[in-house]
Amino acid sequence: MAELHLQGQLLSPARGRFKIGIAWQANPRHTSAVRRSAPLAAFEPLSRVDGAKLISLQRRPGLEQLKTSSFPVADLGPEVDTKAGAFMDTAAIMKGLDLVVTVNTLIAHLVGALGVPAWVLLPFVSERRWMRGRADGPWYPTMRLYRQERFGDWRGAFEQVISDLRRRLG
């Protein structure tokens, strides 16, 4: 696989780290953004999994949380998607990742369409396209769904993500 260079950083499958793209906040102009978004801090346990490297796929709203993050998240810089067109760089970045973990945003749909492995965190009440009581859906075969067990509580969904990630990385 070709290496991807952005903002002086390298995304390459041969670096010995499991590269996880993350996105935590939906567009605040969307009516359901508050319930679909998680704080960046909720992703912190992923950074403690041996071998994991977190890479931000977050778009403009929510990027300010990187400034106060207590754990490492690679930020590929403000030039992403500014020259080649909307989401062109983001799509290329996703193709160089091992996994994307995201809340229900446009990022979830893009990664699903690209066929990149993705784990999507859904709020307690989610859109009907995600169905109910399932960890998968008919739309994106490389996607696994994690759901809040209680309204506004991401803890259980993230605990399951961490458990599955540790199992996957052995």
N, C-alpha and C. Protein backbone atom coordinates (compact mmCIF):
# COMPACT_ATOMS: atom_id res chain seq x y z
N MET A 1 0.85 -1.18 0.00
CA MET A 1 0.00 0.00 0.00
C MET A 1 0.89 1.24 0.00
N ALA A 2 0.51 2.22 -0.74
CA ALA A 2 1.28 3.46 -0.81
C ALA A 2 1.21 4.20 0.52
N GLU A 3 2.26 4.95 0.79
CA GLU A 3 2.29 5.77 1.99
C GLU A 3 1.59 7.09 1.71
N LEU A 4 0.95 7.63 2.70
CA LEU A 4 0.24 8.90 2.58
C LEU A 4 0.92 9.92 3.47
N HIS A 5 1.36 11.02 2.89
CA HIS A 5 1.99 12.09 3.65
C HIS A 5 1.04 13.27 3.73
N LEU A 6 0.78 13.73 4.94
CA LEU A 6 -0.02 14.94 5.15
C LEU A 6 0.57 15.71 6.31
N GLN A 7 0.76 16.99 6.13
CA GLN A 7 1.23 17.86 7.21
C GLN A 7 2.48 17.28 7.87
N GLY A 8 3.38 16.69 7.06
CA GLY A 8 4.64 16.18 7.59
C GLY A 8 4.51 14.87 8.34
N GLN A 9 3.32 14.26 8.38
CA GLN A 9 3.14 13.00 9.08
C GLN A 9 2.96 11.89 8.07
N LEU A 10 3.25 10.69 8.49
CA LEU A 10 3.22 9.54 7.61
C LEU A 10 2.19 8.54 8.10
N LEU A 11 1.33 8.11 7.20
CA LEU A 11 0.42 7.00 7.49
C LEU A 11 0.88 5.84 6.62
N SER A 12 1.41 4.82 7.24
CA SER A 12 1.93 3.69 6.51
C SER A 12 1.58 2.41 7.27
N PRO A 13 1.15 1.35 6.57
CA PRO A 13 0.78 0.13 7.26
C PRO A 13 1.98 -0.59 7.90
N ALA A 14 3.19 -0.21 7.58
CA ALA A 14 4.37 -0.92 8.06
C ALA A 14 4.99 -0.30 9.32
N ARG A 15 4.29 0.52 10.03
CA ARG A 15 4.87 1.20 11.18
C ARG A 15 4.69 0.44 12.51
N GLY A 16 4.04 -0.71 12.51
CA GLY A 16 3.91 -1.51 13.72
C GLY A 16 2.88 -1.02 14.71
N ARG A 17 2.09 -0.04 14.38
CA ARG A 17 1.03 0.45 15.24
C ARG A 17 -0.30 0.21 14.56
N PHE A 18 -1.32 -0.01 15.33
CA PHE A 18 -2.67 -0.18 14.82
C PHE A 18 -3.29 1.21 14.75
N LYS A 19 -3.47 1.72 13.55
CA LYS A 19 -3.90 3.09 13.34
C LYS A 19 -5.43 3.19 13.36
N ILE A 20 -5.93 3.99 14.31
CA ILE A 20 -7.37 4.14 14.50
C ILE A 20 -7.75 5.60 14.26
N GLY A 21 -8.57 5.84 13.26
CA GLY A 21 -9.11 7.17 13.02
C GLY A 21 -10.31 7.36 13.93
N ILE A 22 -10.42 8.55 14.51
CA ILE A 22 -11.55 8.82 15.40
C ILE A 22 -12.24 10.13 15.03
N ALA A 23 -13.55 10.16 15.25
CA ALA A 23 -14.36 11.38 15.11
C ALA A 23 -15.39 11.34 16.22
N TRP A 24 -15.54 12.44 16.93
CA TRP A 24 -16.34 12.45 18.15
C TRP A 24 -17.52 13.41 18.16
N GLN A 25 -17.58 14.31 17.22
CA GLN A 25 -18.64 15.31 17.30
C GLN A 25 -19.34 15.48 15.96
N ALA A 26 -20.66 15.47 16.03
CA ALA A 26 -21.48 15.75 14.85
C ALA A 26 -21.57 17.26 14.63
N ASN A 27 -22.02 17.64 13.47
CA ASN A 27 -22.19 19.05 13.14
C ASN A 27 -23.21 19.66 14.11
N PRO A 28 -22.82 20.68 14.87
CA PRO A 28 -23.73 21.25 15.87
C PRO A 28 -24.98 21.89 15.28
N ARG A 29 -25.00 22.14 13.98
CA ARG A 29 -26.20 22.71 13.36
C ARG A 29 -27.28 21.65 13.14
N HIS A 30 -26.92 20.39 13.24
CA HIS A 30 -27.89 19.31 13.08
C HIS A 30 -28.69 19.16 14.37
N THR A 31 -29.98 18.95 14.27
CA THR A 31 -30.85 18.92 15.46
C THR A 31 -30.51 17.81 16.44
N SER A 32 -29.94 16.70 15.99
CA SER A 32 -29.62 15.60 16.89
C SER A 32 -28.14 15.54 17.26
N ALA A 33 -27.38 16.60 16.97
CA ALA A 33 -25.93 16.59 17.19
C ALA A 33 -25.55 16.34 18.64
N VAL A 34 -26.28 16.92 19.57
CA VAL A 34 -25.93 16.77 20.98
C VAL A 34 -26.00 15.31 21.41
N ARG A 35 -27.05 14.62 21.04
CA ARG A 35 -27.16 13.22 21.48
C ARG A 35 -26.26 12.28 20.69
N ARG A 36 -25.87 12.67 19.49
CA ARG A 36 -24.98 11.81 18.68
C ARG A 36 -23.51 12.04 18.98
N SER A 37 -23.15 13.14 19.61
CA SER A 37 -21.75 13.48 19.86
C SER A 37 -21.30 12.97 21.22
N ALA A 38 -20.02 12.62 21.27
CA ALA A 38 -19.37 12.24 22.53
C ALA A 38 -18.20 13.20 22.72
N PRO A 39 -17.81 13.46 23.94
CA PRO A 39 -16.62 14.29 24.11
C PRO A 39 -15.37 13.51 23.69
N LEU A 40 -14.37 14.22 23.21
CA LEU A 40 -13.11 13.57 22.85
C LEU A 40 -12.58 12.75 24.02
N ALA A 41 -12.73 13.23 25.24
CA ALA A 41 -12.24 12.53 26.42
C ALA A 41 -12.78 11.10 26.52
N ALA A 42 -13.96 10.84 25.97
CA ALA A 42 -14.53 9.49 26.01
C ALA A 42 -13.69 8.49 25.22
N PHE A 43 -12.88 8.98 24.29
CA PHE A 43 -12.03 8.12 23.47
C PHE A 43 -10.70 7.79 24.14
N GLU A 44 -10.41 8.41 25.28
CA GLU A 44 -9.13 8.24 25.96
C GLU A 44 -8.77 6.77 26.20
N PRO A 45 -9.69 5.89 26.63
CA PRO A 45 -9.30 4.49 26.86
C PRO A 45 -8.71 3.81 25.61
N LEU A 46 -9.09 4.24 24.43
CA LEU A 46 -8.51 3.65 23.22
C LEU A 46 -7.01 3.93 23.16
N SER A 47 -6.59 5.08 23.65
CA SER A 47 -5.17 5.46 23.60
C SER A 47 -4.33 4.58 24.52
N ARG A 48 -4.96 3.92 25.49
CA ARG A 48 -4.23 3.07 26.43
C ARG A 48 -4.11 1.63 25.97
N VAL A 49 -4.72 1.28 24.86
CA VAL A 49 -4.62 -0.08 24.33
C VAL A 49 -3.26 -0.23 23.65
N ASP A 50 -2.50 -1.22 24.08
CA ASP A 50 -1.16 -1.44 23.51
C ASP A 50 -1.21 -1.55 22.00
N GLY A 51 -0.37 -0.77 21.34
CA GLY A 51 -0.25 -0.81 19.89
C GLY A 51 -1.16 0.14 19.15
N ALA A 52 -2.08 0.80 19.84
CA ALA A 52 -3.04 1.69 19.17
C ALA A 52 -2.46 3.10 19.02
N LYS A 53 -2.70 3.68 17.87
CA LYS A 53 -2.35 5.08 17.61
C LYS A 53 -3.61 5.77 17.11
N LEU A 54 -4.03 6.85 17.77
CA LEU A 54 -5.25 7.55 17.41
C LEU A 54 -4.93 8.70 16.45
N ILE A 55 -5.76 8.81 15.42
CA ILE A 55 -5.60 9.86 14.41
C ILE A 55 -6.94 10.56 14.24
N SER A 56 -6.94 11.86 14.39
CA SER A 56 -8.17 12.63 14.30
C SER A 56 -8.69 12.69 12.87
N LEU A 57 -9.96 12.34 12.72
CA LEU A 57 -10.69 12.55 11.47
C LEU A 57 -11.75 13.63 11.66
N GLN A 58 -11.72 14.26 12.83
CA GLN A 58 -12.73 15.25 13.19
C GLN A 58 -12.66 16.45 12.26
N ARG A 59 -13.82 16.92 11.87
CA ARG A 59 -13.92 18.14 11.06
C ARG A 59 -13.93 19.34 11.99
N ARG A 60 -14.13 20.50 11.47
CA ARG A 60 -13.99 21.75 12.22
C ARG A 60 -14.66 21.78 13.59
N PRO A 61 -15.98 21.63 13.70
CA PRO A 61 -16.55 21.66 15.06
C PRO A 61 -16.01 20.47 15.86
N GLY A 62 -15.47 20.76 17.02
CA GLY A 62 -14.93 19.70 17.87
C GLY A 62 -13.41 19.67 17.90
N LEU A 63 -12.76 20.23 16.89
CA LEU A 63 -11.30 20.23 16.86
C LEU A 63 -10.68 20.97 18.04
N GLU A 64 -11.40 21.93 18.60
CA GLU A 64 -10.86 22.68 19.74
C GLU A 64 -10.57 21.78 20.93
N GLN A 65 -11.23 20.62 21.01
CA GLN A 65 -11.00 19.69 22.11
C GLN A 65 -9.60 19.07 22.07
N LEU A 66 -8.97 19.05 20.90
CA LEU A 66 -7.61 18.52 20.80
C LEU A 66 -6.62 19.35 21.62
N LYS A 67 -6.87 20.64 21.74
CA LYS A 67 -5.96 21.52 22.47
C LYS A 67 -5.84 21.17 23.94
N THR A 68 -6.90 20.60 24.52
CA THR A 68 -6.89 20.28 25.94
C THR A 68 -6.88 18.77 26.20
N SER A 69 -6.64 17.99 25.17
CA SER A 69 -6.65 16.53 25.32
C SER A 69 -5.50 16.07 26.22
N SER A 70 -5.81 15.14 27.11
CA SER A 70 -4.80 14.60 28.02
C SER A 70 -4.14 13.34 27.46
N PHE A 71 -4.46 12.98 26.23
CA PHE A 71 -3.89 11.78 25.61
C PHE A 71 -3.53 12.09 24.16
N PRO A 72 -2.62 11.32 23.59
CA PRO A 72 -2.14 11.64 22.24
C PRO A 72 -3.15 11.29 21.14
N VAL A 73 -3.42 12.27 20.30
CA VAL A 73 -4.23 12.10 19.10
C VAL A 73 -3.52 12.85 17.99
N ALA A 74 -3.12 12.15 16.94
CA ALA A 74 -2.45 12.81 15.83
C ALA A 74 -3.44 13.70 15.10
N ASP A 75 -3.05 14.94 14.91
CA ASP A 75 -3.86 15.90 14.16
C ASP A 75 -3.13 16.15 12.86
N LEU A 76 -3.76 15.85 11.75
CA LEU A 76 -3.09 15.97 10.45
C LEU A 76 -3.14 17.38 9.89
N GLY A 77 -3.67 18.30 10.66
CA GLY A 77 -3.56 19.71 10.32
C GLY A 77 -4.73 20.28 9.55
N PRO A 78 -4.73 21.60 9.42
CA PRO A 78 -5.86 22.31 8.81
C PRO A 78 -5.92 22.20 7.28
N GLU A 79 -4.90 21.65 6.66
CA GLU A 79 -4.88 21.56 5.20
C GLU A 79 -5.71 20.39 4.66
N VAL A 80 -6.10 19.47 5.54
CA VAL A 80 -6.87 18.30 5.10
C VAL A 80 -8.14 18.76 4.40
N ASP A 81 -8.37 18.24 3.23
CA ASP A 81 -9.57 18.50 2.41
C ASP A 81 -9.67 19.92 1.86
N THR A 82 -8.59 20.68 1.86
CA THR A 82 -8.68 22.05 1.35
C THR A 82 -8.26 22.17 -0.12
N LYS A 83 -7.50 21.22 -0.63
CA LYS A 83 -6.98 21.37 -1.99
C LYS A 83 -7.63 20.42 -3.00
N ALA A 84 -7.76 19.16 -2.65
CA ALA A 84 -8.27 18.17 -3.60
C ALA A 84 -9.79 18.16 -3.69
N GLY A 85 -10.45 18.73 -2.71
CA GLY A 85 -11.91 18.74 -2.69
C GLY A 85 -12.43 18.13 -1.41
N ALA A 86 -13.72 18.34 -1.18
CA ALA A 86 -14.35 17.89 0.06
C ALA A 86 -14.16 16.39 0.27
N PHE A 87 -13.59 16.05 1.39
CA PHE A 87 -13.41 14.67 1.87
C PHE A 87 -12.47 13.81 1.02
N MET A 88 -11.79 14.39 0.05
CA MET A 88 -10.85 13.60 -0.75
C MET A 88 -9.66 13.16 0.10
N ASP A 89 -9.06 14.07 0.85
CA ASP A 89 -7.96 13.70 1.73
C ASP A 89 -8.44 12.77 2.84
N THR A 90 -9.60 13.08 3.41
CA THR A 90 -10.15 12.24 4.47
C THR A 90 -10.34 10.81 3.99
N ALA A 91 -10.86 10.64 2.78
CA ALA A 91 -11.04 9.30 2.22
C ALA A 91 -9.70 8.59 2.05
N ALA A 92 -8.70 9.31 1.57
CA ALA A 92 -7.37 8.71 1.40
C ALA A 92 -6.77 8.32 2.75
N ILE A 93 -6.96 9.17 3.75
CA ILE A 93 -6.47 8.87 5.09
C ILE A 93 -7.15 7.60 5.61
N MET A 94 -8.47 7.53 5.46
CA MET A 94 -9.22 6.37 5.94
C MET A 94 -8.71 5.07 5.31
N LYS A 95 -8.37 5.12 4.04
CA LYS A 95 -7.88 3.91 3.36
C LYS A 95 -6.54 3.45 3.94
N GLY A 96 -5.81 4.35 4.61
CA GLY A 96 -4.54 3.99 5.23
C GLY A 96 -4.66 3.59 6.69
N LEU A 97 -5.87 3.54 7.21
CA LEU A 97 -6.10 3.20 8.62
C LEU A 97 -6.47 1.73 8.76
N ASP A 98 -6.28 1.23 9.97
CA ASP A 98 -6.69 -0.14 10.28
C ASP A 98 -8.15 -0.20 10.74
N LEU A 99 -8.63 0.91 11.31
CA LEU A 99 -9.97 0.94 11.87
C LEU A 99 -10.37 2.40 12.06
N VAL A 100 -11.67 2.67 11.94
CA VAL A 100 -12.22 3.98 12.29
C VAL A 100 -13.25 3.75 13.39
N VAL A 101 -13.13 4.54 14.46
CA VAL A 101 -14.11 4.52 15.55
C VAL A 101 -14.71 5.92 15.59
N THR A 102 -16.01 6.00 15.39
CA THR A 102 -16.66 7.30 15.26
C THR A 102 -18.07 7.27 15.81
N VAL A 103 -18.54 8.44 16.19
CA VAL A 103 -19.97 8.59 16.46
C VAL A 103 -20.67 8.71 15.11
N ASN A 104 -21.98 8.77 15.12
CA ASN A 104 -22.76 8.82 13.88
C ASN A 104 -22.66 10.21 13.24
N THR A 105 -21.71 10.33 12.34
CA THR A 105 -21.50 11.56 11.59
C THR A 105 -21.34 11.21 10.12
N LEU A 106 -21.09 12.19 9.31
CA LEU A 106 -20.80 11.94 7.91
C LEU A 106 -19.58 11.02 7.78
N ILE A 107 -18.65 11.11 8.71
CA ILE A 107 -17.46 10.25 8.72
C ILE A 107 -17.88 8.78 8.73
N ALA A 108 -18.91 8.44 9.49
CA ALA A 108 -19.38 7.05 9.54
C ALA A 108 -19.86 6.58 8.17
N HIS A 109 -20.56 7.42 7.47
CA HIS A 109 -21.08 7.03 6.17
C HIS A 109 -19.97 6.96 5.12
N LEU A 110 -19.02 7.87 5.19
CA LEU A 110 -17.90 7.84 4.25
C LEU A 110 -17.06 6.59 4.45
N VAL A 111 -16.70 6.28 5.70
CA VAL A 111 -15.87 5.10 5.94
C VAL A 111 -16.62 3.82 5.56
N GLY A 112 -17.94 3.79 5.80
CA GLY A 112 -18.73 2.63 5.39
C GLY A 112 -18.75 2.46 3.89
N ALA A 113 -18.91 3.56 3.17
CA ALA A 113 -18.93 3.50 1.71
C ALA A 113 -17.58 3.07 1.14
N LEU A 114 -16.50 3.41 1.84
CA LEU A 114 -15.16 3.03 1.39
C LEU A 114 -14.82 1.58 1.70
N GLY A 115 -15.61 0.94 2.57
CA GLY A 115 -15.34 -0.45 2.93
C GLY A 115 -14.20 -0.61 3.92
N VAL A 116 -13.85 0.46 4.61
CA VAL A 116 -12.82 0.40 5.64
C VAL A 116 -13.48 -0.10 6.93
N PRO A 117 -12.83 -0.97 7.70
CA PRO A 117 -13.43 -1.41 8.95
C PRO A 117 -13.76 -0.23 9.85
N ALA A 118 -14.98 -0.23 10.38
CA ALA A 118 -15.45 0.90 11.20
C ALA A 118 -16.32 0.40 12.33
N TRP A 119 -16.16 1.04 13.48
CA TRP A 119 -17.00 0.81 14.63
C TRP A 119 -17.69 2.12 14.94
N VAL A 120 -19.01 2.10 14.89
CA VAL A 120 -19.80 3.32 15.04
C VAL A 120 -20.55 3.30 16.36
N LEU A 121 -20.40 4.37 17.12
CA LEU A 121 -21.07 4.52 18.41
C LEU A 121 -22.38 5.27 18.19
N LEU A 122 -23.46 4.64 18.61
CA LEU A 122 -24.79 5.20 18.39
C LEU A 122 -25.44 5.61 19.70
N PRO A 123 -26.23 6.68 19.67
CA PRO A 123 -26.95 7.08 20.88
C PRO A 123 -28.05 6.08 21.22
N PHE A 124 -28.57 6.21 22.41
CA PHE A 124 -29.62 5.31 22.89
C PHE A 124 -30.79 5.27 21.91
N VAL A 125 -31.22 6.42 21.44
CA VAL A 125 -32.25 6.50 20.41
C VAL A 125 -31.54 6.93 19.12
N SER A 126 -31.47 6.02 18.18
CA SER A 126 -30.75 6.33 16.94
C SER A 126 -31.73 6.33 15.76
N GLU A 127 -31.22 6.77 14.65
CA GLU A 127 -32.03 6.82 13.43
C GLU A 127 -32.45 5.41 13.02
N ARG A 128 -33.56 5.31 12.34
CA ARG A 128 -34.08 3.99 11.98
C ARG A 128 -33.18 3.24 11.02
N ARG A 129 -32.33 3.95 10.28
CA ARG A 129 -31.43 3.25 9.35
C ARG A 129 -30.51 2.29 10.07
N TRP A 130 -30.25 2.56 11.38
CA TRP A 130 -29.35 1.70 12.15
C TRP A 130 -30.09 0.52 12.77
N MET A 131 -31.41 0.48 12.57
CA MET A 131 -32.25 -0.60 13.08
C MET A 131 -32.15 -0.68 14.61
N ARG A 132 -32.63 -1.77 15.19
CA ARG A 132 -32.59 -1.94 16.64
C ARG A 132 -32.03 -3.32 16.97
N GLY A 133 -31.35 -3.39 18.08
CA GLY A 133 -30.90 -4.67 18.59
C GLY A 133 -29.90 -5.40 17.71
N ARG A 134 -29.21 -4.69 16.87
CA ARG A 134 -28.23 -5.33 15.98
C ARG A 134 -26.88 -4.65 16.13
N ALA A 135 -25.85 -5.44 15.90
CA ALA A 135 -24.48 -4.90 15.90
C ALA A 135 -24.00 -4.66 14.48
N ASP A 136 -24.88 -4.92 13.53
CA ASP A 136 -24.53 -4.68 12.12
C ASP A 136 -25.75 -4.07 11.43
N GLY A 137 -25.59 -3.79 10.19
CA GLY A 137 -26.69 -3.25 9.41
C GLY A 137 -26.51 -3.65 7.96
N PRO A 138 -27.53 -3.52 7.16
CA PRO A 138 -27.44 -3.95 5.77
C PRO A 138 -26.67 -3.00 4.87
N TRP A 139 -26.36 -1.79 5.35
CA TRP A 139 -25.80 -0.77 4.47
C TRP A 139 -24.29 -0.90 4.28
N TYR A 140 -23.59 -1.20 5.34
CA TYR A 140 -22.13 -1.19 5.30
C TYR A 140 -21.59 -2.50 5.90
N PRO A 141 -21.13 -3.43 5.08
CA PRO A 141 -20.71 -4.73 5.59
C PRO A 141 -19.45 -4.72 6.46
N THR A 142 -18.66 -3.65 6.42
CA THR A 142 -17.43 -3.61 7.24
C THR A 142 -17.63 -2.83 8.53
N MET A 143 -18.90 -2.57 8.88
CA MET A 143 -19.20 -1.73 10.04
C MET A 143 -19.81 -2.54 11.17
N ARG A 144 -19.37 -2.22 12.39
CA ARG A 144 -19.96 -2.79 13.60
C ARG A 144 -20.56 -1.63 14.39
N LEU A 145 -21.72 -1.87 14.98
CA LEU A 145 -22.45 -0.84 15.71
C LEU A 145 -22.38 -1.08 17.21
N TYR A 146 -22.14 -0.02 17.97
CA TYR A 146 -22.11 -0.04 19.42
C TYR A 146 -23.13 0.99 19.91
N ARG A 147 -23.99 0.58 20.82
CA ARG A 147 -25.10 1.44 21.22
C ARG A 147 -25.03 1.83 22.70
N GLN A 148 -25.46 3.06 22.98
CA GLN A 148 -25.63 3.46 24.37
C GLN A 148 -26.68 2.56 25.01
N GLU A 149 -26.45 2.18 26.26
CA GLU A 149 -27.44 1.39 26.99
C GLU A 149 -28.46 2.28 27.68
N ARG A 150 -28.03 3.53 27.97
CA ARG A 150 -28.90 4.52 28.60
C ARG A 150 -28.67 5.85 27.91
N PHE A 151 -29.70 6.65 27.86
CA PHE A 151 -29.63 7.96 27.21
C PHE A 151 -28.47 8.78 27.76
N GLY A 152 -27.60 9.24 26.88
CA GLY A 152 -26.49 10.11 27.24
C GLY A 152 -25.28 9.44 27.86
N ASP A 153 -25.32 8.13 28.06
CA ASP A 153 -24.23 7.42 28.73
C ASP A 153 -23.42 6.61 27.71
N TRP A 154 -22.24 7.12 27.38
CA TRP A 154 -21.38 6.46 26.40
C TRP A 154 -20.50 5.37 27.02
N ARG A 155 -20.42 5.33 28.34
CA ARG A 155 -19.48 4.44 29.02
C ARG A 155 -19.60 2.98 28.58
N GLY A 156 -20.78 2.42 28.58
CA GLY A 156 -20.95 1.01 28.21
C GLY A 156 -20.55 0.72 26.77
N ALA A 157 -20.91 1.62 25.87
CA ALA A 157 -20.54 1.43 24.46
C ALA A 157 -19.02 1.46 24.30
N PHE A 158 -18.36 2.40 24.98
CA PHE A 158 -16.90 2.49 24.89
C PHE A 158 -16.23 1.29 25.55
N GLU A 159 -16.79 0.79 26.65
CA GLU A 159 -16.23 -0.41 27.28
C GLU A 159 -16.26 -1.59 26.33
N GLN A 160 -17.34 -1.73 25.58
CA GLN A 160 -17.43 -2.81 24.59
C GLN A 160 -16.42 -2.61 23.45
N VAL A 161 -16.27 -1.37 23.00
CA VAL A 161 -15.28 -1.06 21.96
C VAL A 161 -13.88 -1.45 22.45
N ILE A 162 -13.53 -1.06 23.68
CA ILE A 162 -12.21 -1.37 24.22
C ILE A 162 -12.01 -2.87 24.34
N SER A 163 -13.01 -3.56 24.83
CA SER A 163 -12.92 -5.02 24.94
C SER A 163 -12.69 -5.66 23.57
N ASP A 164 -13.46 -5.24 22.59
CA ASP A 164 -13.31 -5.80 21.24
C ASP A 164 -11.97 -5.43 20.63
N LEU A 165 -11.49 -4.21 20.88
CA LEU A 165 -10.20 -3.80 20.35
C LEU A 165 -9.07 -4.63 20.97
N ARG A 166 -9.12 -4.81 22.27
CA ARG A 166 -8.09 -5.64 22.93
C ARG A 166 -8.10 -7.07 22.39
N ARG A 167 -9.29 -7.61 22.20
CA ARG A 167 -9.41 -8.95 21.63
C ARG A 167 -8.83 -9.00 20.21
N ARG A 168 -9.13 -7.96 19.44
CA ARG A 168 -8.64 -7.92 18.06
C ARG A 168 -7.12 -7.81 17.98
N LEU A 169 -6.55 -7.03 18.90
CA LEU A 169 -5.10 -6.84 18.88
C LEU A 169 -4.34 -7.94 19.63
N GLY A 170 -5.10 -8.80 20.31
CA GLY A 170 -4.48 -9.94 20.99
C GLY A 170 -3.73 -9.53 22.22
